[in-house]
Amino acid sequence: MGHRLSKIVTRTGDAGTTGLGDGSRVAKDSQRIEAIGEVDELNSTLGLLLSETLSEPCAAVLIDVQHDLFDLGGELSIPGHFALTDAHVLRLDVAIERLNADLSPLKEFILPGGTRAASLAHIARTVCRRAERALVRLAQTEALSEPARKYLNRLSDLLFVLARVQNREAKLGDVLWRRDRDRDA
């Protein structure tokens, strides 16, 4: 990196464009920049979740994910560059299986809620889905790696499981949607 970040204010984006990693400039409202921004917001949301007290296994998974998302941002900032691989997706699959193993089977839909950490995991899950949609839109016009799209799809599943784990670790049950609730009350 050297001194690449020593000057934060460059004024090069004042006209509504921004530079990509390959040196080209694109409009700040382009689909590529939208996808980069969504991934950045997801990473920031995970940073907020990590500010909660989490078990070491949950925190370790999320820290790895933050690094992967930074790599994905790099992938998106250099057209034609691919950073995420099937091995990244597999690592999420393994984490989901491991974290889900001790959870009770679902019999109802779950509402976002419970502990603050669980709620933040659900927010991160919805931000992840938005980032995934941005990648899908971008892939309609530009080449993107299949592992990148799979990674975000799998990550939203992981965040759902992490929300359930947070409630279980706090000795709370899942917040269940009740079909039979009194709607006139």
Protein backbone atom coordinates (compact mmCIF):
# COMPACT_ATOMS: atom_id res chain seq x y z
CA MET A 1 0.00 0.00 0.00
CA GLY A 2 2.86 2.40 0.65
CA HIS A 3 1.50 5.92 0.93
CA ARG A 4 -1.61 5.34 -1.16
CA LEU A 5 -3.95 6.54 1.58
CA SER A 6 -1.88 9.44 2.86
CA LYS A 7 -4.03 11.97 0.99
CA ILE A 8 -7.73 11.49 1.71
CA VAL A 9 -9.11 14.63 0.04
CA THR A 10 -8.23 14.47 -3.66
CA ARG A 11 -11.13 16.46 -5.20
CA THR A 12 -11.04 14.07 -8.18
CA GLY A 13 -14.62 12.99 -7.47
CA ASP A 14 -16.08 16.48 -7.31
CA ALA A 15 -17.50 16.14 -10.84
CA GLY A 16 -19.47 12.99 -9.97
CA THR A 17 -16.98 10.35 -11.07
CA THR A 18 -14.73 8.04 -9.13
CA GLY A 19 -11.64 6.02 -9.95
CA LEU A 20 -11.59 2.25 -10.19
CA GLY A 21 -8.62 0.10 -9.25
CA ASP A 22 -7.58 -0.21 -12.89
CA GLY A 23 -7.30 3.58 -13.23
CA SER A 24 -10.51 4.08 -15.21
CA ARG A 25 -13.16 6.54 -14.04
CA VAL A 26 -16.88 5.84 -13.82
CA ALA A 27 -19.94 7.76 -12.69
CA LYS A 28 -20.56 7.54 -8.97
CA ASP A 29 -24.09 6.29 -9.68
CA SER A 30 -22.96 3.44 -11.96
CA GLN A 31 -24.09 -0.10 -11.15
CA ARG A 32 -20.50 -1.06 -10.32
CA ILE A 33 -20.14 1.73 -7.76
CA GLU A 34 -23.59 0.89 -6.38
CA ALA A 35 -22.45 -2.72 -5.83
CA ILE A 36 -19.18 -1.58 -4.22
CA GLY A 37 -21.15 0.71 -1.91
CA GLU A 38 -23.57 -2.04 -0.91
CA VAL A 39 -20.68 -4.38 -0.07
CA ASP A 40 -19.01 -1.59 1.91
CA GLU A 41 -22.23 -0.93 3.84
CA LEU A 42 -22.52 -4.65 4.58
CA ASN A 43 -18.95 -4.71 5.89
CA SER A 44 -19.67 -1.68 8.08
CA THR A 45 -22.83 -3.33 9.40
CA LEU A 46 -20.78 -6.40 10.33
CA GLY A 47 -18.37 -4.07 12.14
CA LEU A 48 -21.30 -2.82 14.21
CA LEU A 49 -22.37 -6.41 14.95
CA LEU A 50 -18.80 -7.20 16.00
CA SER A 51 -18.93 -4.37 18.54
CA GLU A 52 -21.39 -6.53 20.50
CA THR A 53 -20.20 -9.23 22.89
CA LEU A 54 -20.13 -12.35 20.71
CA SER A 55 -18.79 -15.81 21.35
CA GLU A 56 -15.32 -16.42 19.92
CA PRO A 57 -16.55 -18.77 17.16
CA CYS A 58 -19.14 -16.23 15.96
CA ALA A 59 -16.70 -13.32 16.12
CA ALA A 60 -14.00 -15.29 14.29
CA VAL A 61 -16.36 -16.15 11.44
CA LEU A 62 -17.45 -12.53 11.09
CA ILE A 63 -13.88 -11.22 11.10
CA ASP A 64 -13.01 -13.63 8.29
CA VAL A 65 -16.12 -12.46 6.42
CA GLN A 66 -15.08 -8.82 6.81
CA HIS A 67 -11.75 -9.62 5.15
CA ASP A 68 -13.55 -11.51 2.38
CA LEU A 69 -15.90 -8.57 1.80
CA PHE A 70 -12.93 -6.22 1.55
CA ASP A 71 -11.49 -8.59 -1.06
CA LEU A 72 -14.85 -8.57 -2.85
CA GLY A 73 -14.77 -4.77 -2.90
CA GLY A 74 -11.36 -5.03 -4.52
CA GLU A 75 -12.72 -7.52 -7.04
CA LEU A 76 -15.53 -5.13 -7.91
CA SER A 77 -13.17 -2.17 -8.21
CA ILE A 78 -11.06 -3.87 -10.89
CA PRO A 79 -13.19 -5.08 -13.81
CA GLY A 80 -12.14 -8.58 -14.82
CA HIS A 81 -10.36 -9.29 -11.51
CA PHE A 82 -11.64 -12.21 -9.45
CA ALA A 83 -10.73 -12.49 -5.76
CA LEU A 84 -13.37 -14.78 -4.24
CA THR A 85 -13.32 -18.46 -5.08
CA ASP A 86 -15.44 -21.52 -4.44
CA ALA A 87 -13.24 -22.13 -1.37
CA HIS A 88 -14.63 -18.92 0.20
CA VAL A 89 -18.18 -20.16 -0.37
CA LEU A 90 -17.29 -23.57 1.05
CA ARG A 91 -15.90 -21.93 4.19
CA LEU A 92 -19.29 -20.28 4.73
CA ASP A 93 -21.07 -23.59 4.13
CA VAL A 94 -18.93 -25.23 6.80
CA ALA A 95 -19.55 -22.39 9.26
CA ILE A 96 -23.31 -22.56 8.67
CA GLU A 97 -23.36 -26.30 9.30
CA ARG A 98 -21.26 -25.96 12.44
CA LEU A 99 -23.29 -23.09 13.93
CA ASN A 100 -26.65 -24.55 12.93
CA ALA A 101 -25.92 -28.00 14.37
CA ASP A 102 -27.05 -27.09 17.91
CA LEU A 103 -30.11 -25.08 16.91
CA SER A 104 -33.58 -26.56 17.11
CA PRO A 105 -35.31 -27.26 13.80
CA LEU A 106 -37.53 -24.46 12.55
CA LYS A 107 -41.28 -25.03 12.61
CA GLU A 108 -42.39 -21.43 12.11
CA PHE A 109 -41.08 -18.30 10.46
CA ILE A 110 -38.80 -16.14 12.58
CA LEU A 111 -39.21 -12.41 13.08
CA PRO A 112 -36.09 -10.25 13.40
CA GLY A 113 -35.50 -9.57 17.06
CA GLY A 114 -34.47 -10.95 20.40
CA THR A 115 -31.13 -9.69 21.62
CA ARG A 116 -29.44 -6.62 20.22
CA ALA A 117 -26.79 -8.83 18.62
CA ALA A 118 -29.45 -11.03 16.99
CA SER A 119 -31.28 -7.95 15.73
CA LEU A 120 -28.04 -6.57 14.27
CA ALA A 121 -27.39 -9.92 12.57
CA HIS A 122 -30.84 -9.67 10.97
CA ILE A 123 -30.10 -6.12 9.80
CA ALA A 124 -26.80 -7.36 8.35
CA ARG A 125 -28.72 -10.16 6.62
CA THR A 126 -31.04 -7.68 4.90
CA VAL A 127 -28.11 -5.45 3.90
CA CYS A 128 -26.42 -8.57 2.51
CA ARG A 129 -29.49 -9.37 0.41
CA ARG A 130 -29.43 -5.83 -0.98
CA ALA A 131 -25.73 -6.20 -1.85
CA GLU A 132 -26.52 -9.50 -3.54
CA ARG A 133 -29.24 -7.84 -5.64
CA ALA A 134 -26.76 -5.13 -6.65
CA LEU A 135 -24.30 -7.80 -7.83
CA VAL A 136 -27.02 -9.60 -9.77
CA ARG A 137 -27.95 -6.32 -11.52
CA LEU A 138 -24.31 -5.61 -12.33
CA ALA A 139 -23.82 -9.15 -13.67
CA GLN A 140 -26.53 -8.49 -16.27
CA THR A 141 -24.21 -6.07 -18.06
CA GLU A 142 -20.69 -6.92 -16.87
CA ALA A 143 -18.71 -10.07 -16.14
CA LEU A 144 -18.66 -10.99 -12.46
CA SER A 145 -17.42 -14.10 -10.76
CA GLU A 146 -19.97 -16.73 -9.87
CA PRO A 147 -18.34 -17.29 -6.46
CA ALA A 148 -18.95 -13.62 -5.56
CA ARG A 149 -22.70 -13.98 -6.09
CA LYS A 150 -22.78 -17.34 -4.33
CA TYR A 151 -20.80 -15.89 -1.43
CA LEU A 152 -23.34 -13.16 -0.73
CA ASN A 153 -26.22 -15.60 -1.04
CA ARG A 154 -24.58 -17.94 1.43
CA LEU A 155 -23.56 -15.10 3.73
CA SER A 156 -27.19 -14.06 4.22
CA ASP A 157 -27.92 -17.65 5.32
CA LEU A 158 -25.01 -17.49 7.75
CA LEU A 159 -26.28 -14.23 9.22
CA PHE A 160 -29.72 -15.77 9.74
CA VAL A 161 -28.12 -18.65 11.63
CA LEU A 162 -25.91 -16.24 13.61
CA ALA A 163 -29.02 -14.33 14.72
CA ARG A 164 -30.53 -17.56 16.02
CA VAL A 165 -27.26 -18.45 17.76
CA GLN A 166 -27.17 -15.07 19.51
CA ASN A 167 -30.66 -15.59 20.92
CA ARG A 168 -29.85 -19.14 21.98
CA GLU A 169 -26.63 -18.05 23.69
CA ALA A 170 -28.66 -15.42 25.61
CA LYS A 171 -31.09 -18.21 26.62
CA LEU A 172 -33.88 -16.65 24.56
CA GLY A 173 -35.96 -18.46 22.03
CA ASP A 174 -36.41 -17.34 18.48
CA VAL A 175 -38.97 -14.59 17.94
CA LEU A 176 -41.62 -16.58 16.12
CA TRP A 177 -44.21 -15.26 13.73
CA ARG A 178 -47.63 -16.22 15.05
CA ARG A 179 -50.18 -16.97 12.40
CA ASP A 180 -52.96 -17.29 14.98
CA ARG A 181 -52.46 -13.99 16.82
CA ASP A 182 -55.45 -11.81 17.58
CA ARG A 183 -55.35 -9.15 14.89
CA ASP A 184 -58.20 -7.09 16.33
CA ALA A 185 -56.40 -6.36 19.56
